[in-house]
Amino acid sequence: MFRNSYVPSRRRLPWSRHQASRLAGLAPNLLRQGFNRGKDVEMNPSMKDQIEGAIHEVKGKAKETAGQAIGNPDLELEGKAENLGGKVQNKVGQVERVFEK
């Protein structure tokens, strides 16, 4: 690495990059379990919960940001609720995954 290059501190990434990295972390499991060259392979319920939770988190954050941008408090609250619901669903999937083993 270059001597004078900027090294960011260890902090939470902005939500879009953070969510993208979380979804990218799920991609190898999806390739292994869900998309098997056209063959029907059943995914674990825990993996489905994790994927759906991540999707709800992203949708909720988008709604929250849109609500802030246009000044709509109802949309902002709806986005916060969906984001929180996605986080809960993701954690449920993680806990189920631990108990499956």
Foldseek 3Di string as FASTA:
>chain_A
DDPPDDDDDPDDDPPVVNLVVVVVVCVVVCCVAPCDPPDHGDDDPLSVLQVVLSVLLVQLVVQLVVCVVVVNVVSNVSSVVSNVVSVVSNVVSVVVVVVVD
